[in-house]
N, C-alpha and C. Protein backbone atom coordinates (compact mmCIF):
# COMPACT_ATOMS: atom_id res chain seq x y z
N MET A 1 32.20 -33.81 26.11
CA MET A 1 32.61 -32.58 25.73
C MET A 1 33.25 -31.75 26.85
N THR A 2 34.44 -31.02 26.31
CA THR A 2 35.25 -30.38 27.18
C THR A 2 34.34 -28.99 27.23
N LYS A 3 34.67 -28.17 28.36
CA LYS A 3 34.35 -27.08 28.69
C LYS A 3 34.35 -26.10 27.54
N TYR A 4 35.68 -25.87 27.12
CA TYR A 4 35.87 -25.09 25.93
C TYR A 4 35.08 -25.43 24.68
N ALA A 5 35.19 -26.74 24.47
CA ALA A 5 34.25 -27.19 23.35
C ALA A 5 32.66 -26.54 23.53
N LYS A 6 32.19 -26.98 24.59
CA LYS A 6 30.86 -26.18 24.82
C LYS A 6 30.74 -24.71 24.61
N SER A 7 31.71 -24.14 25.05
CA SER A 7 31.66 -22.41 25.08
C SER A 7 31.70 -22.24 23.41
N GLY A 8 32.81 -22.83 22.82
CA GLY A 8 32.84 -22.58 21.18
C GLY A 8 31.58 -22.90 20.62
N LEU A 9 31.25 -23.98 20.86
CA LEU A 9 29.86 -24.24 20.27
C LEU A 9 28.58 -23.33 20.40
N LEU A 10 28.76 -23.03 21.49
CA LEU A 10 27.61 -22.01 22.02
C LEU A 10 27.61 -20.74 21.33
N LEU A 11 29.17 -20.38 21.30
CA LEU A 11 29.48 -19.04 20.30
C LEU A 11 29.09 -19.16 19.02
N LEU A 12 29.59 -20.21 18.69
CA LEU A 12 29.23 -20.48 17.13
C LEU A 12 27.71 -20.51 16.70
N VAL A 13 26.95 -21.08 17.50
CA VAL A 13 25.38 -21.40 17.39
C VAL A 13 24.81 -19.80 17.58
N THR A 14 25.31 -18.92 18.43
CA THR A 14 24.81 -17.87 18.81
C THR A 14 25.57 -16.78 17.69
N LEU A 15 26.44 -16.74 17.01
CA LEU A 15 26.91 -16.06 15.76
C LEU A 15 25.84 -16.55 14.59
N VAL A 16 25.62 -17.52 14.61
CA VAL A 16 25.04 -17.93 13.04
C VAL A 16 23.57 -17.50 13.29
N LEU A 17 22.97 -17.78 14.37
CA LEU A 17 21.58 -17.45 14.66
C LEU A 17 21.41 -15.87 14.57
N GLY A 18 22.45 -15.20 15.17
CA GLY A 18 22.35 -13.74 15.35
C GLY A 18 22.49 -13.04 13.73
N SER A 19 23.55 -13.80 12.95
CA SER A 19 23.57 -13.17 11.39
C SER A 19 22.27 -13.36 10.69
N CYS A 20 21.72 -14.21 10.97
CA CYS A 20 20.45 -14.58 10.46
C CYS A 20 19.20 -13.67 10.77
N ALA A 21 19.13 -13.26 12.03
CA ALA A 21 18.18 -12.30 12.26
C ALA A 21 18.56 -11.02 11.57
N GLY A 22 19.66 -10.59 11.49
CA GLY A 22 19.65 -9.36 10.82
C GLY A 22 19.87 -9.31 9.17
N THR A 23 19.83 -10.50 8.64
CA THR A 23 19.93 -10.60 7.31
C THR A 23 18.50 -10.30 6.59
N ARG A 24 18.65 -9.40 5.39
CA ARG A 24 17.26 -8.99 4.78
C ARG A 24 17.70 -9.22 3.27
N VAL A 25 16.56 -9.89 2.69
CA VAL A 25 16.80 -9.76 1.03
C VAL A 25 16.53 -8.68 0.38
N ALA A 26 17.31 -8.28 -0.45
CA ALA A 26 17.12 -6.87 -1.13
C ALA A 26 16.39 -7.10 -2.49
N ILE A 27 15.11 -6.37 -2.38
CA ILE A 27 14.41 -6.62 -3.46
C ILE A 27 14.10 -5.10 -4.04
N ASP A 28 13.76 -4.76 -5.52
CA ASP A 28 13.57 -3.54 -5.93
C ASP A 28 11.99 -3.31 -5.74
N PRO A 29 11.63 -2.09 -5.07
CA PRO A 29 10.47 -1.76 -4.41
C PRO A 29 9.52 -1.91 -5.76
N PRO A 30 8.19 -2.42 -5.39
CA PRO A 30 7.27 -2.50 -6.54
C PRO A 30 6.55 -1.01 -6.49
N VAL A 31 6.03 -0.69 -7.49
CA VAL A 31 5.35 0.71 -7.74
C VAL A 31 3.85 0.42 -7.41
N VAL A 32 3.32 1.26 -6.79
CA VAL A 32 1.59 1.04 -6.30
C VAL A 32 1.22 2.25 -6.80
N SER A 33 0.15 2.47 -7.60
CA SER A 33 -0.57 3.63 -7.82
C SER A 33 -2.21 3.22 -7.63
N LEU A 34 -2.83 4.51 -7.33
CA LEU A 34 -4.25 4.29 -7.44
C LEU A 34 -4.75 4.38 -8.56
N ARG A 35 -5.75 3.52 -9.25
CA ARG A 35 -6.25 3.35 -10.47
C ARG A 35 -7.77 3.99 -10.27
N MET A 36 -8.63 3.75 -9.30
CA MET A 36 -9.82 4.14 -9.44
C MET A 36 -10.60 4.16 -7.72
N ILE A 37 -11.52 5.23 -7.70
CA ILE A 37 -12.21 5.09 -6.72
C ILE A 37 -13.62 4.88 -6.86
N ASP A 38 -14.14 3.56 -6.47
CA ASP A 38 -15.60 3.67 -6.63
C ASP A 38 -16.59 3.67 -5.26
N VAL A 39 -17.48 4.55 -5.47
CA VAL A 39 -18.44 5.01 -4.45
C VAL A 39 -19.59 3.49 -4.52
N THR A 40 -19.54 2.82 -3.57
CA THR A 40 -20.57 1.62 -3.69
C THR A 40 -21.80 1.70 -2.94
N GLU A 41 -21.96 2.70 -1.98
CA GLU A 41 -23.01 3.18 -1.04
C GLU A 41 -22.88 4.32 -0.44
N VAL A 42 -24.02 5.17 -0.57
CA VAL A 42 -23.60 6.41 -0.05
C VAL A 42 -25.28 7.06 0.93
N ASP A 43 -25.33 7.20 2.37
CA ASP A 43 -26.22 7.55 2.86
C ASP A 43 -25.73 8.54 3.94
N PHE A 44 -26.37 8.96 4.88
CA PHE A 44 -26.11 10.08 5.70
C PHE A 44 -25.17 9.50 6.71
N SER A 45 -25.30 8.40 7.04
CA SER A 45 -24.53 7.72 8.11
C SER A 45 -23.09 7.26 7.83
N LYS A 46 -22.86 6.87 6.39
CA LYS A 46 -21.78 6.28 5.84
C LYS A 46 -21.59 6.49 4.54
N GLN A 47 -20.64 6.48 3.99
CA GLN A 47 -20.32 6.29 2.59
C GLN A 47 -19.04 5.08 2.24
N THR A 48 -19.17 3.92 1.35
CA THR A 48 -18.52 3.15 1.13
C THR A 48 -17.95 3.17 -0.06
N PHE A 49 -16.44 3.29 0.13
CA PHE A 49 -15.75 3.40 -1.25
C PHE A 49 -14.79 2.09 -1.52
N VAL A 50 -14.56 1.87 -2.95
CA VAL A 50 -13.52 0.59 -2.91
C VAL A 50 -12.56 1.43 -3.59
N LEU A 51 -11.15 1.45 -3.27
CA LEU A 51 -10.11 1.81 -3.55
C LEU A 51 -9.37 0.86 -4.72
N SER A 52 -9.30 1.05 -5.71
CA SER A 52 -8.51 -0.07 -6.90
C SER A 52 -7.25 0.34 -7.16
N PHE A 53 -6.04 -0.34 -6.77
CA PHE A 53 -4.69 -0.21 -6.79
C PHE A 53 -4.07 -1.06 -7.80
N ASP A 54 -3.00 -0.29 -8.77
CA ASP A 54 -2.42 -1.32 -9.51
C ASP A 54 -0.78 -1.33 -8.88
N VAL A 55 -0.24 -2.37 -9.13
CA VAL A 55 1.21 -2.57 -8.60
C VAL A 55 1.73 -3.24 -9.55
N THR A 56 3.17 -2.64 -9.89
CA THR A 56 4.07 -3.16 -10.95
C THR A 56 5.41 -3.82 -10.19
N ASN A 57 5.66 -5.24 -10.28
CA ASN A 57 6.89 -5.76 -9.77
C ASN A 57 7.87 -5.82 -10.67
N PRO A 58 8.95 -5.12 -10.46
CA PRO A 58 10.38 -4.80 -11.18
C PRO A 58 11.21 -5.98 -10.90
N ASN A 59 11.04 -6.88 -10.25
CA ASN A 59 11.86 -8.22 -9.53
C ASN A 59 11.59 -9.57 -10.57
N SER A 60 12.54 -10.23 -10.76
CA SER A 60 12.68 -11.35 -11.49
C SER A 60 12.01 -12.47 -10.93
N PHE A 61 11.55 -12.34 -9.58
CA PHE A 61 10.77 -13.30 -8.72
C PHE A 61 9.35 -12.51 -8.47
N PRO A 62 8.33 -13.69 -8.24
CA PRO A 62 6.81 -13.19 -7.60
C PRO A 62 6.95 -12.42 -6.46
N LEU A 63 6.13 -11.63 -5.94
CA LEU A 63 5.97 -11.10 -4.69
C LEU A 63 4.58 -11.50 -4.10
N PRO A 64 4.54 -12.43 -3.09
CA PRO A 64 3.75 -12.59 -2.44
C PRO A 64 3.08 -11.69 -1.31
N VAL A 65 2.05 -10.74 -1.49
CA VAL A 65 1.95 -9.76 -0.48
C VAL A 65 0.65 -10.35 0.37
N ASN A 66 0.96 -10.41 1.76
CA ASN A 66 0.06 -10.91 2.85
C ASN A 66 -0.56 -9.68 3.81
N HIS A 67 -0.29 -8.53 3.40
CA HIS A 67 -1.09 -7.41 4.09
C HIS A 67 -0.49 -5.90 3.29
N VAL A 68 -1.34 -4.94 3.40
CA VAL A 68 -1.16 -3.63 2.90
C VAL A 68 -1.44 -2.72 4.08
N THR A 69 -0.67 -1.80 4.54
CA THR A 69 -0.86 -0.51 5.20
C THR A 69 -0.94 0.71 4.21
N TYR A 70 -1.96 1.58 4.21
CA TYR A 70 -2.05 2.51 3.35
C TYR A 70 -2.59 3.79 3.81
N GLY A 71 -2.11 5.11 3.28
CA GLY A 71 -2.82 6.32 3.52
C GLY A 71 -2.83 6.94 2.16
N VAL A 72 -4.15 7.34 1.98
CA VAL A 72 -4.63 8.36 0.62
C VAL A 72 -5.03 9.49 1.20
N LYS A 73 -4.49 10.62 0.54
CA LYS A 73 -4.84 11.86 0.51
C LYS A 73 -5.30 12.43 -0.47
N LEU A 74 -6.32 13.17 -0.64
CA LEU A 74 -6.95 13.81 -1.74
C LEU A 74 -6.96 15.48 -1.67
N ASP A 75 -6.16 15.86 -2.56
CA ASP A 75 -5.86 17.69 -2.43
C ASP A 75 -5.29 17.86 -1.02
N THR A 76 -4.74 16.91 -0.56
CA THR A 76 -3.75 17.19 0.50
C THR A 76 -4.41 17.04 2.02
N HIS A 77 -6.12 16.36 1.81
CA HIS A 77 -6.96 16.36 2.62
C HIS A 77 -6.88 14.74 2.95
N ARG A 78 -6.66 14.21 4.26
CA ARG A 78 -6.59 12.76 4.49
C ARG A 78 -7.80 12.07 4.11
N PHE A 79 -7.98 11.22 3.19
CA PHE A 79 -9.28 10.51 2.77
C PHE A 79 -9.44 9.29 3.27
N ALA A 80 -8.40 8.44 3.48
CA ALA A 80 -8.60 7.13 4.06
C ALA A 80 -6.76 6.65 4.47
N SER A 81 -7.12 5.60 5.41
CA SER A 81 -5.69 5.15 5.73
C SER A 81 -6.34 3.66 6.52
N GLY A 82 -5.44 2.79 6.80
CA GLY A 82 -5.74 1.57 7.46
C GLY A 82 -4.71 0.36 6.81
N GLU A 83 -5.11 -0.56 7.33
CA GLU A 83 -4.24 -1.91 7.10
C GLU A 83 -5.42 -2.88 6.38
N SER A 84 -4.93 -3.71 5.60
CA SER A 84 -5.86 -4.76 5.00
C SER A 84 -4.93 -6.00 5.11
N VAL A 85 -5.37 -7.17 5.39
CA VAL A 85 -5.08 -8.48 5.44
C VAL A 85 -5.21 -9.17 4.12
N ALA A 86 -5.53 -8.64 3.19
CA ALA A 86 -6.06 -9.39 1.93
C ALA A 86 -4.35 -9.88 1.42
N SER A 87 -4.62 -10.99 0.89
CA SER A 87 -3.44 -11.75 0.14
C SER A 87 -3.34 -11.93 -1.38
N PHE A 88 -2.34 -11.51 -2.11
CA PHE A 88 -2.35 -11.53 -3.38
C PHE A 88 -0.97 -11.73 -3.81
N MET A 89 -0.81 -11.92 -5.21
CA MET A 89 0.67 -12.52 -5.76
C MET A 89 0.58 -11.16 -6.92
N VAL A 90 1.83 -10.76 -6.89
CA VAL A 90 2.30 -9.93 -8.17
C VAL A 90 3.19 -10.63 -8.93
N PRO A 91 2.97 -11.14 -9.93
CA PRO A 91 4.01 -11.88 -10.74
C PRO A 91 5.24 -11.12 -11.13
N ALA A 92 6.50 -12.03 -11.28
CA ALA A 92 7.63 -11.42 -11.71
C ALA A 92 7.69 -10.32 -12.93
N ASN A 93 8.39 -9.40 -12.92
CA ASN A 93 8.41 -8.41 -13.76
C ASN A 93 6.94 -8.47 -14.54
N SER A 94 6.09 -7.90 -13.80
CA SER A 94 4.65 -7.94 -14.33
C SER A 94 3.80 -6.76 -13.48
N ASP A 95 2.63 -6.91 -13.70
CA ASP A 95 1.51 -6.01 -13.00
C ASP A 95 0.54 -7.01 -12.14
N GLY A 96 0.33 -6.31 -11.11
CA GLY A 96 -0.98 -7.03 -10.33
C GLY A 96 -2.12 -6.01 -9.90
N GLU A 97 -3.03 -6.14 -9.24
CA GLU A 97 -4.03 -5.24 -9.08
C GLU A 97 -4.35 -5.81 -7.49
N PHE A 98 -5.07 -4.83 -6.74
CA PHE A 98 -5.77 -5.07 -5.32
C PHE A 98 -6.81 -4.12 -5.10
N ALA A 99 -7.98 -4.38 -4.25
CA ALA A 99 -8.52 -3.38 -3.97
C ALA A 99 -9.04 -3.48 -2.41
N ILE A 100 -9.16 -2.36 -2.01
CA ILE A 100 -9.50 -2.18 -0.55
C ILE A 100 -10.83 -1.66 -0.48
N SER A 101 -11.76 -2.08 0.45
CA SER A 101 -13.20 -1.33 0.67
C SER A 101 -13.01 -0.42 1.83
N VAL A 102 -13.53 0.76 1.88
CA VAL A 102 -13.17 1.90 2.92
C VAL A 102 -14.83 2.32 3.40
N GLU A 103 -15.07 2.28 4.76
CA GLU A 103 -15.83 2.94 5.07
C GLU A 103 -16.07 4.31 5.79
N LEU A 104 -16.72 5.45 5.47
CA LEU A 104 -16.40 6.60 6.26
C LEU A 104 -17.52 7.45 6.22
N ASP A 105 -17.65 8.37 7.17
CA ASP A 105 -18.74 9.35 7.65
C ASP A 105 -18.36 10.50 7.22
N LEU A 106 -18.18 11.08 5.84
CA LEU A 106 -17.79 12.24 5.44
C LEU A 106 -18.63 13.54 5.76
N PHE A 107 -19.89 13.28 6.28
CA PHE A 107 -20.95 14.33 6.53
C PHE A 107 -20.57 14.71 7.81
N ARG A 108 -20.08 13.77 9.11
CA ARG A 108 -19.77 14.11 10.27
C ARG A 108 -18.34 14.30 10.43
N THR A 109 -17.46 13.71 9.91
CA THR A 109 -16.04 13.66 10.34
C THR A 109 -14.95 14.51 9.37
N ALA A 110 -15.67 14.56 8.15
CA ALA A 110 -14.56 15.50 7.27
C ALA A 110 -15.49 16.20 6.10
N PRO A 111 -16.29 17.09 6.48
CA PRO A 111 -17.15 18.15 5.60
C PRO A 111 -16.39 18.65 4.73
N ARG A 112 -15.15 19.36 4.93
CA ARG A 112 -14.39 19.86 3.76
C ARG A 112 -13.99 18.71 2.84
N LEU A 113 -13.67 17.56 3.15
CA LEU A 113 -13.10 16.74 2.25
C LEU A 113 -14.39 16.17 1.42
N LEU A 114 -15.61 16.15 1.83
CA LEU A 114 -16.78 16.10 0.98
C LEU A 114 -16.98 17.13 -0.12
N TYR A 115 -16.78 18.42 0.23
CA TYR A 115 -16.67 19.39 -0.81
C TYR A 115 -15.49 19.04 -1.80
N THR A 116 -14.38 18.92 -1.39
CA THR A 116 -13.40 18.21 -2.14
C THR A 116 -13.64 17.04 -3.20
N VAL A 117 -14.49 16.22 -2.75
CA VAL A 117 -14.89 15.14 -3.62
C VAL A 117 -15.77 15.43 -4.45
N ARG A 118 -16.54 16.27 -4.21
CA ARG A 118 -17.72 17.01 -4.94
C ARG A 118 -16.94 17.53 -5.99
N ASP A 119 -15.90 18.57 -5.71
CA ASP A 119 -15.30 19.38 -6.70
C ASP A 119 -14.61 18.60 -7.69
N GLY A 120 -14.34 17.44 -7.25
CA GLY A 120 -13.73 16.53 -8.21
C GLY A 120 -14.16 16.02 -9.49
N THR A 121 -15.61 16.35 -9.37
CA THR A 121 -15.92 16.04 -10.72
C THR A 121 -15.89 17.17 -11.86
N THR A 122 -15.45 18.14 -11.49
CA THR A 122 -15.25 19.18 -12.40
C THR A 122 -13.59 19.79 -12.70
N ARG A 123 -12.74 19.01 -11.82
CA ARG A 123 -11.44 19.44 -12.05
C ARG A 123 -10.55 18.13 -11.55
N ASP A 124 -9.28 18.07 -12.01
CA ASP A 124 -8.55 16.75 -11.47
C ASP A 124 -8.10 17.13 -9.77
N LEU A 125 -8.11 16.19 -8.98
CA LEU A 125 -7.59 16.36 -7.76
C LEU A 125 -6.13 15.55 -7.74
N SER A 126 -5.42 16.11 -6.98
CA SER A 126 -3.97 15.50 -6.96
C SER A 126 -4.31 14.38 -5.74
N TYR A 127 -3.57 13.37 -5.67
CA TYR A 127 -3.57 12.52 -4.56
C TYR A 127 -2.28 11.97 -4.12
N GLU A 128 -2.14 11.69 -3.00
CA GLU A 128 -0.72 11.26 -2.39
C GLU A 128 -1.13 9.82 -1.83
N LEU A 129 -0.19 8.92 -2.24
CA LEU A 129 -0.44 7.42 -1.87
C LEU A 129 0.80 7.09 -1.09
N SER A 130 0.82 6.57 0.02
CA SER A 130 2.00 5.86 0.83
C SER A 130 1.43 4.74 1.63
N GLY A 131 2.49 4.04 1.74
CA GLY A 131 2.08 2.75 2.61
C GLY A 131 3.26 1.54 2.59
N GLU A 132 2.96 0.64 2.84
CA GLU A 132 3.79 -0.83 3.13
C GLU A 132 3.18 -1.78 2.39
N LEU A 133 3.99 -2.60 1.79
CA LEU A 133 3.08 -4.20 1.27
C LEU A 133 4.20 -5.13 2.24
N GLY A 134 3.41 -5.68 2.93
CA GLY A 134 3.98 -6.81 3.60
C GLY A 134 4.39 -8.08 2.65
N ILE A 135 5.79 -8.49 2.43
CA ILE A 135 6.00 -9.24 1.46
C ILE A 135 6.15 -10.69 2.45
N ASP A 136 5.51 -11.78 1.90
CA ASP A 136 5.89 -13.13 2.60
C ASP A 136 6.86 -13.74 1.96
N ILE A 137 8.13 -13.11 2.00
CA ILE A 137 9.28 -13.78 1.82
C ILE A 137 10.13 -13.81 2.87
N PRO A 138 10.90 -15.03 3.36
CA PRO A 138 11.74 -14.98 4.53
C PRO A 138 12.65 -13.66 4.62
N PHE A 139 12.76 -13.07 5.33
CA PHE A 139 13.81 -12.10 5.69
C PHE A 139 13.63 -10.63 4.55
N VAL A 140 12.38 -10.47 4.34
CA VAL A 140 11.90 -9.42 3.40
C VAL A 140 11.27 -8.66 4.36
N GLY A 141 10.15 -8.76 5.08
CA GLY A 141 9.16 -7.92 5.87
C GLY A 141 8.40 -7.17 4.77
N SER A 142 8.43 -5.85 5.09
CA SER A 142 7.80 -5.06 4.37
C SER A 142 8.31 -3.91 3.70
N VAL A 143 7.62 -3.57 2.49
CA VAL A 143 8.51 -2.78 1.68
C VAL A 143 7.58 -1.27 1.35
N PRO A 144 7.97 -0.41 1.80
CA PRO A 144 7.42 1.07 1.74
C PRO A 144 7.21 1.31 -0.03
N PHE A 145 6.16 2.11 -0.12
CA PHE A 145 5.95 2.81 -1.30
C PHE A 145 5.30 4.24 -0.99
N GLU A 146 5.34 4.89 -2.04
CA GLU A 146 5.05 6.21 -2.07
C GLU A 146 4.63 6.55 -3.85
N TYR A 147 3.41 7.18 -3.78
CA TYR A 147 3.17 7.68 -5.11
C TYR A 147 2.16 8.88 -5.39
N ASN A 148 2.31 9.69 -6.19
CA ASN A 148 1.62 10.88 -6.38
C ASN A 148 0.94 10.82 -7.94
N GLY A 149 -0.09 11.55 -7.88
CA GLY A 149 -0.99 11.29 -9.31
C GLY A 149 -2.13 12.06 -9.03
N GLU A 150 -3.00 12.11 -10.17
CA GLU A 150 -4.15 12.89 -10.16
C GLU A 150 -5.38 12.15 -10.60
N ILE A 151 -6.54 12.64 -10.05
CA ILE A 151 -7.77 11.73 -10.40
C ILE A 151 -8.79 12.60 -10.48
N ARG A 152 -9.77 12.12 -11.56
CA ARG A 152 -10.83 12.87 -11.84
C ARG A 152 -12.14 12.11 -11.60
N LEU A 153 -13.08 12.61 -10.66
CA LEU A 153 -14.31 11.78 -10.45
C LEU A 153 -15.37 11.99 -11.63
N GLN A 154 -15.38 11.01 -12.38
CA GLN A 154 -16.30 10.87 -13.31
C GLN A 154 -17.86 11.17 -13.06
N SER A 155 -18.40 11.00 -11.83
CA SER A 155 -19.43 11.34 -11.33
C SER A 155 -19.09 10.91 -9.82
N LEU A 156 -20.12 11.20 -9.17
CA LEU A 156 -19.89 10.62 -7.65
C LEU A 156 -20.00 9.20 -7.66
N PHE A 157 -19.99 8.53 -8.19
CA PHE A 157 -20.06 7.29 -8.28
C PHE A 157 -19.06 6.18 -8.85
N VAL A 158 -18.27 6.93 -9.81
CA VAL A 158 -16.94 6.01 -10.12
C VAL A 158 -15.79 7.12 -10.31
N THR A 159 -14.82 6.80 -10.17
CA THR A 159 -13.80 7.86 -10.51
C THR A 159 -12.44 7.04 -10.96
N ARG A 160 -12.00 7.74 -11.89
CA ARG A 160 -10.49 7.03 -12.38
C ARG A 160 -9.47 7.92 -12.40
N ALA A 161 -8.11 7.26 -11.86
CA ALA A 161 -7.04 8.04 -11.75
C ALA A 161 -6.17 8.11 -13.07
N THR A 162 -5.53 9.17 -13.23
CA THR A 162 -4.58 9.35 -14.38
C THR A 162 -3.12 9.71 -13.31
N ASN A 163 -2.06 8.91 -13.77
CA ASN A 163 -0.89 9.32 -13.16
C ASN A 163 0.06 10.38 -13.39
N ARG A 164 0.10 11.38 -12.36
CA ARG A 164 1.03 12.50 -12.70
C ARG A 164 2.57 12.25 -12.40
N ASN A 165 2.84 11.87 -11.77
CA ASN A 165 4.32 11.26 -11.49
C ASN A 165 4.41 9.79 -10.67
N ALA A 166 5.73 9.40 -10.88
CA ALA A 166 5.87 8.24 -10.08
C ALA A 166 6.81 8.20 -9.24
N ASP A 167 7.17 9.30 -8.53
CA ASP A 167 8.08 9.37 -7.35
C ASP A 167 7.68 8.38 -6.31
N GLN A 168 8.75 7.45 -6.17
CA GLN A 168 8.64 6.17 -5.32
C GLN A 168 9.75 6.57 -4.11
N THR A 169 9.51 6.38 -3.02
CA THR A 169 10.63 6.28 -2.14
C THR A 169 10.54 4.82 -1.32
N PRO A 170 11.80 4.21 -1.78
CA PRO A 170 12.02 2.85 -1.38
C PRO A 170 12.11 2.88 0.15
């Protein structure tokens, strides 16, 4: 192979690989909302909550999710945030759900939030949800989500959310 042929082949391979690295598949972002907060354990050293979420997939293909990064605020106070490596599938043009277990120490780290949670049994609390769904499809990566709603604590042990609006930011 001549020097020019080798250079041309190297340039072609570099261009092809470079164009693949920058390619992203366009998808419509799913809508993620907080459905319920379940208090599963309460003592003086920790409180365990299970946050249940609904996901709506507007795409004509299923979304295999391999991780979730999330942040939840109740009445503008940071309630929980983190990342879960739980995997689940959201069917095409359909709904799915997932849950995340969260351990907090509201007595020591967030006494003001503790009062907010207590007040949630007598009034609706606004919530803000934001994060990213890690989609396990080549060239897609993570898809951001945002959602605002209201939640009423039925008791200190089970809460259910009602959606105020569906502002999502792709």
